[in-house]
Protein backbone atom coordinates (compact mmCIF):
# COMPACT_ATOMS: atom_id res chain seq x y z
CA MET A 1 8.39 -74.89 -74.48
CA LYS A 2 8.87 -77.45 -77.26
CA VAL A 3 5.15 -77.32 -78.06
CA GLY A 4 4.97 -73.55 -77.82
CA LEU A 5 7.90 -72.98 -80.18
CA GLU A 6 5.84 -74.61 -82.92
CA TYR A 7 3.53 -71.58 -82.83
CA VAL A 8 5.72 -68.65 -81.76
CA ASP A 9 9.34 -67.62 -82.32
CA PRO A 10 11.75 -67.99 -79.37
CA TYR A 11 12.23 -64.23 -78.80
CA SER A 12 8.51 -63.53 -78.58
CA PHE A 13 8.02 -66.69 -76.52
CA ALA A 14 10.59 -65.56 -73.94
CA PHE A 15 9.16 -62.04 -73.68
CA LEU A 16 5.49 -63.09 -73.48
CA ARG A 17 6.30 -65.83 -70.99
CA LEU A 18 8.06 -63.38 -68.69
CA LEU A 19 5.47 -60.65 -69.15
CA LEU A 20 2.68 -63.05 -68.20
CA ALA A 21 4.84 -64.27 -65.31
CA PHE A 22 4.86 -60.68 -64.01
CA VAL A 23 1.06 -60.47 -64.34
CA PHE A 24 0.56 -63.81 -62.57
CA SER A 25 2.96 -62.84 -59.78
CA VAL A 26 1.04 -59.58 -59.22
CA VAL A 27 -2.25 -61.49 -59.00
CA LEU A 28 -0.66 -63.98 -56.59
CA LEU A 29 0.79 -61.20 -54.45
CA ARG A 30 -2.43 -59.18 -54.28
CA SER A 31 -4.12 -62.05 -52.45
CA GLY A 32 -1.98 -61.11 -49.45
CA GLU A 33 -0.59 -57.61 -49.97
CA ARG A 34 -0.34 -54.81 -52.51
CA PRO A 35 2.61 -54.65 -54.93
CA ARG A 36 5.15 -52.03 -53.87
CA ALA A 37 6.64 -50.19 -56.82
CA ASP A 38 9.31 -48.71 -54.54
CA MET A 39 11.09 -52.08 -54.85
CA LEU A 40 12.27 -50.80 -58.24
CA ARG A 41 14.60 -48.45 -56.35
CA ASP A 42 16.65 -51.47 -55.28
CA TRP A 43 19.56 -51.98 -57.70
CA ARG A 44 19.54 -55.71 -56.95
CA VAL A 45 16.08 -56.10 -58.50
CA TRP A 46 17.36 -54.52 -61.71
CA ALA A 47 20.57 -56.57 -61.67
CA LEU A 48 18.67 -59.83 -61.12
CA GLY A 49 16.22 -59.03 -63.91
CA VAL A 50 18.95 -58.11 -66.39
CA LEU A 51 21.02 -61.21 -65.55
CA ASN A 52 17.95 -63.45 -65.85
CA GLY A 53 16.78 -61.85 -69.10
CA GLY A 54 20.29 -61.96 -70.55
CA GLY A 55 20.54 -65.65 -69.73
CA PHE A 56 17.25 -66.38 -71.50
CA ILE A 57 18.21 -64.48 -74.66
CA LEU A 58 21.74 -65.93 -74.86
CA GLN A 59 20.36 -69.45 -74.46
CA TYR A 60 17.62 -68.96 -77.06
CA VAL A 61 20.05 -67.48 -79.62
CA GLY A 62 22.78 -69.98 -78.79
CA ILE A 63 20.62 -73.07 -79.17
CA ALA A 64 19.80 -71.97 -82.73
CA LEU A 65 23.52 -72.02 -83.56
CA THR A 66 24.55 -75.24 -81.83
CA THR A 67 22.99 -78.56 -80.88
CA ALA A 68 20.44 -79.06 -78.12
CA THR A 69 22.75 -81.60 -76.49
CA ARG A 70 25.66 -79.18 -76.33
CA THR A 71 23.34 -76.45 -75.07
CA ALA A 72 22.13 -78.60 -72.18
CA LEU A 73 25.64 -79.69 -71.27
CA LEU A 74 27.31 -76.29 -71.51
CA THR A 75 24.54 -74.39 -69.74
CA GLN A 76 24.34 -76.82 -66.82
CA SER A 77 28.11 -76.78 -66.36
CA ASN A 78 27.61 -73.41 -64.65
CA VAL A 79 27.39 -75.28 -61.35
CA VAL A 80 31.18 -75.05 -61.02
CA VAL A 81 31.18 -71.32 -61.84
CA THR A 82 28.44 -70.76 -59.26
CA ALA A 83 30.50 -72.50 -56.59
CA LEU A 84 33.60 -70.42 -57.37
CA VAL A 85 31.70 -67.12 -57.51
CA SER A 86 29.82 -67.79 -54.27
CA TRP A 87 33.09 -68.79 -52.61
CA ARG A 88 34.80 -65.58 -53.70
CA LEU A 89 31.93 -63.09 -53.30
CA LEU A 90 29.84 -64.57 -50.48
CA GLY A 91 32.59 -66.35 -48.61
CA GLU A 92 30.73 -69.66 -48.73
CA PRO A 93 33.10 -72.46 -47.66
CA MET A 94 33.73 -75.15 -50.23
CA GLY A 95 34.17 -78.09 -47.86
CA LEU A 96 35.33 -81.58 -48.78
CA ALA A 97 31.81 -82.76 -49.59
CA ASN A 98 31.31 -79.94 -52.10
CA LEU A 99 34.74 -80.55 -53.62
CA ILE A 100 33.62 -84.13 -54.29
CA ALA A 101 30.06 -83.23 -55.27
CA LEU A 102 31.02 -80.66 -57.94
CA PRO A 103 33.03 -82.96 -60.25
CA LEU A 104 30.49 -85.74 -59.66
CA ALA A 105 27.68 -83.41 -60.70
CA THR A 106 29.62 -82.25 -63.78
CA LEU A 107 30.35 -85.83 -64.83
CA GLY A 108 26.73 -86.74 -64.12
CA VAL A 109 25.45 -83.99 -66.42
CA PHE A 110 27.82 -85.12 -69.17
CA LEU A 111 26.69 -88.75 -68.94
CA LEU A 112 23.03 -87.83 -68.55
CA VAL A 113 22.97 -85.56 -71.59
CA THR A 114 25.20 -87.61 -73.90
CA GLY A 115 24.61 -91.13 -72.61
CA GLY A 116 28.40 -91.46 -72.60
CA ASP A 117 28.52 -91.12 -76.39
CA LEU A 118 31.01 -88.41 -77.39
CA SER A 119 29.57 -88.31 -80.91
CA ALA A 120 26.44 -86.70 -79.41
CA LEU A 121 28.50 -83.53 -78.98
CA SER A 122 29.39 -83.25 -82.65
CA GLY A 123 27.87 -80.64 -84.91
CA GLY A 124 28.06 -77.65 -82.58
CA GLN A 125 29.27 -74.25 -83.71
CA ALA A 126 31.73 -72.17 -81.74
CA THR A 127 29.51 -69.08 -81.62
CA GLY A 128 26.50 -71.00 -80.35
CA ASP A 129 28.62 -72.82 -77.78
CA LEU A 130 30.05 -69.54 -76.52
CA LEU A 131 26.59 -67.97 -76.19
CA VAL A 132 25.15 -70.83 -74.13
CA ILE A 133 28.27 -70.85 -71.94
CA LEU A 134 27.75 -67.13 -71.32
CA ALA A 135 24.08 -67.84 -70.53
CA GLY A 136 25.17 -70.35 -67.89
CA TRP A 137 27.63 -67.83 -66.43
CA MET A 138 24.94 -65.14 -66.23
CA TRP A 139 22.69 -67.52 -64.32
CA SER A 140 25.63 -68.29 -62.00
CA PHE A 141 25.86 -64.64 -61.04
CA PHE A 142 22.05 -64.55 -60.82
CA LEU A 143 22.10 -67.42 -58.30
CA VAL A 144 24.79 -65.76 -56.19
CA LEU A 145 23.14 -62.31 -56.21
CA ASN A 146 19.76 -63.90 -55.50
CA LYS A 147 21.26 -65.65 -52.48
CA HIS A 148 22.78 -62.38 -51.27
CA THR A 149 19.42 -60.58 -51.70
CA VAL A 150 17.10 -63.11 -50.05
CA SER A 151 19.51 -63.57 -47.15
CA LYS A 152 18.76 -60.02 -46.02
CA LYS A 153 16.13 -60.13 -43.27
CA ASP A 154 14.41 -57.02 -44.60
CA THR A 155 13.91 -58.52 -48.08
CA ASN A 156 10.28 -59.16 -48.93
CA ILE A 157 10.69 -62.19 -51.19
CA SER A 158 7.19 -62.08 -52.68
CA GLN A 159 7.62 -58.43 -53.64
CA MET A 160 11.08 -59.13 -55.04
CA VAL A 161 9.80 -61.93 -57.27
CA VAL A 162 7.14 -59.63 -58.77
CA TRP A 163 9.54 -56.89 -59.78
CA VAL A 164 12.34 -59.20 -60.91
CA MET A 165 9.80 -60.74 -63.30
CA LEU A 166 8.98 -57.28 -64.67
CA VAL A 167 12.62 -56.27 -65.18
CA THR A 168 13.38 -59.65 -66.79
CA ALA A 169 10.51 -59.09 -69.25
CA MET A 170 11.81 -55.58 -69.97
CA ALA A 171 15.28 -57.00 -70.66
CA THR A 172 13.91 -59.40 -73.30
CA ALA A 173 11.47 -56.92 -74.87
CA PRO A 174 13.91 -55.25 -77.34
CA PHE A 175 14.90 -58.64 -78.77
CA ALA A 176 11.25 -59.68 -79.17
CA LEU A 177 10.35 -56.42 -80.91
CA VAL A 178 13.36 -56.38 -83.27
CA LEU A 179 13.99 -60.07 -83.93
CA GLY A 180 10.64 -61.67 -83.09
CA SER A 181 7.47 -61.96 -85.14
CA MET A 182 5.11 -60.86 -82.38
CA THR A 183 4.25 -57.58 -84.11
CA ARG A 184 3.77 -59.23 -87.52
CA ALA A 185 1.80 -62.36 -86.74
CA VAL A 186 -1.23 -63.43 -84.71
CA LEU A 187 -0.38 -65.87 -81.95
CA PRO A 188 -2.76 -68.87 -82.03
CA TRP A 189 -4.47 -70.17 -78.91
CA GLU A 190 -2.11 -73.15 -78.76
CA GLY A 191 0.81 -70.75 -78.51
CA TRP A 192 -0.90 -68.70 -75.80
CA GLY A 193 -1.60 -71.90 -73.88
CA ALA A 194 2.07 -72.87 -73.90
CA VAL A 195 3.14 -69.35 -72.95
CA ALA A 196 0.64 -69.19 -70.07
CA TYR A 197 1.60 -72.65 -68.79
CA THR A 198 5.34 -71.92 -68.77
CA ALA A 199 4.74 -68.49 -67.21
CA ALA A 200 2.76 -69.88 -64.28
CA PHE A 201 4.20 -73.33 -63.63
CA CYS A 202 7.74 -73.02 -65.04
CA THR A 203 8.53 -69.43 -64.00
CA VAL A 204 6.50 -67.76 -61.22
CA LEU A 205 5.88 -70.68 -58.87
CA PRO A 206 9.37 -72.22 -59.25
CA TYR A 207 11.11 -68.87 -58.75
CA LEU A 208 8.99 -68.06 -55.69
CA LEU A 209 9.77 -71.45 -54.13
CA PHE A 210 13.42 -71.18 -55.15
CA ALA A 211 13.84 -67.68 -53.68
CA ARG A 212 12.31 -68.75 -50.38
CA ALA A 213 14.46 -71.88 -50.24
CA GLN A 214 17.66 -70.00 -51.06
CA ARG A 215 17.33 -68.06 -47.81
CA PHE A 216 18.29 -71.29 -46.06
CA VAL A 217 20.80 -72.94 -48.42
CA SER A 218 24.05 -71.91 -50.10
CA ALA A 219 24.27 -70.82 -53.73
CA THR A 220 26.43 -73.87 -54.46
CA LEU A 221 23.85 -76.28 -53.04
CA ALA A 222 21.08 -74.48 -54.93
CA ALA A 223 22.98 -74.85 -58.22
CA ILE A 224 23.61 -78.55 -57.63
CA VAL A 225 20.03 -79.30 -56.58
CA LEU A 226 18.74 -77.51 -59.70
CA LEU A 227 20.44 -80.22 -61.75
CA ILE A 228 17.52 -82.47 -60.76
CA GLU A 229 15.65 -80.58 -63.51
CA VAL A 230 17.78 -82.37 -66.12
CA VAL A 231 17.15 -85.73 -64.47
CA VAL A 232 13.39 -85.16 -64.44
CA ALA A 233 13.44 -84.01 -68.08
CA ILE A 234 15.30 -87.14 -69.24
CA VAL A 235 13.10 -89.52 -67.21
CA SER A 236 9.92 -87.73 -68.33
CA SER A 237 10.91 -87.93 -72.00
CA THR A 238 11.51 -91.65 -71.54
CA LEU A 239 8.18 -92.33 -69.84
CA MET A 240 5.96 -89.91 -71.78
CA LEU A 241 7.60 -89.65 -75.21
CA GLY A 242 9.02 -93.15 -75.48
CA GLU A 243 12.60 -91.93 -75.86
CA GLN A 244 15.34 -94.44 -75.08
CA LEU A 245 17.29 -93.99 -71.84
CA ALA A 246 20.91 -94.99 -72.40
CA LEU A 247 22.84 -96.83 -69.72
CA GLY A 248 25.24 -93.89 -69.47
CA SER A 249 22.32 -91.51 -68.90
CA GLY A 250 21.07 -93.65 -66.03
CA LEU A 251 24.53 -93.57 -64.46
CA GLY A 252 24.66 -89.80 -64.93
CA ALA A 253 21.32 -89.39 -63.15
CA ALA A 254 22.62 -91.50 -60.26
CA LEU A 255 25.79 -89.39 -59.99
CA ILE A 256 23.75 -86.18 -59.90
CA CYS A 257 21.58 -87.58 -57.11
CA ILE A 258 24.71 -88.60 -55.16
CA SER A 259 26.20 -85.12 -55.62
CA ILE A 260 22.96 -83.55 -54.30
CA VAL A 261 23.11 -85.77 -51.19
CA LEU A 262 26.78 -84.87 -50.61
CA ALA A 263 26.19 -81.15 -51.04
CA SER A 264 23.13 -81.30 -48.78
CA ARG A 265 25.11 -83.03 -46.06
CA SER A 266 27.85 -80.43 -46.38
CA SER A 267 25.28 -77.64 -46.05
CA GLY A 268 23.61 -79.33 -43.12
CA SER A 269 26.89 -79.79 -41.28
CA ARG A 270 27.35 -76.00 -41.21
């Protein structure tokens, strides 16, 4: 994404990424079965697409108004909201392990993103902070509704992924057309490469694997396990980009891993 944003504005990037994700998911699906457009009659497909698209747009707009550090921290704090929503709407038990894992995960994200340095959070703007918080909340409801949907035995997950990708692209399209530069500029090949890569390997395949996995795990566990994305990003930037890994960040990564183990044990005990 960082490379791609050098060649294309964030609104157009989000839309093109999701549109290509729909195309790739159709190609992937057609190797086994034909896409079924009747899936669009399911309100959950539309709700998932709108929630996902709304989360993307709010995050993209919010990060332009606040710092990247605050964006990462505030967005990933949705793990607590996910646990509360899944507890209230799906009746998922919290359990002692989850009650311990949630604050550990939250503290881990804080330390991982900031390195324990509170000054890293300075410079944010209230509007940007609010937008990325709302983005995190939208993805919380997305996680819970996704869990509810894939838990149904009659849900064809591969078909669902295809049409959720389409609705998500549709949800971002107005922002790309009005606020983006897609209609006024030619996208270079480097930009298309970044868009295609994120569409295939950061959108379609992860969502397909995630949707299949969520049939077997709780929404709370899914939200906590997804925090490993932040750990991998920090470690990768250290190894590949030469960025310094602060001691506090290392401790934060360890706390996130511990919280994942605790939440997994809690899920397994049920």
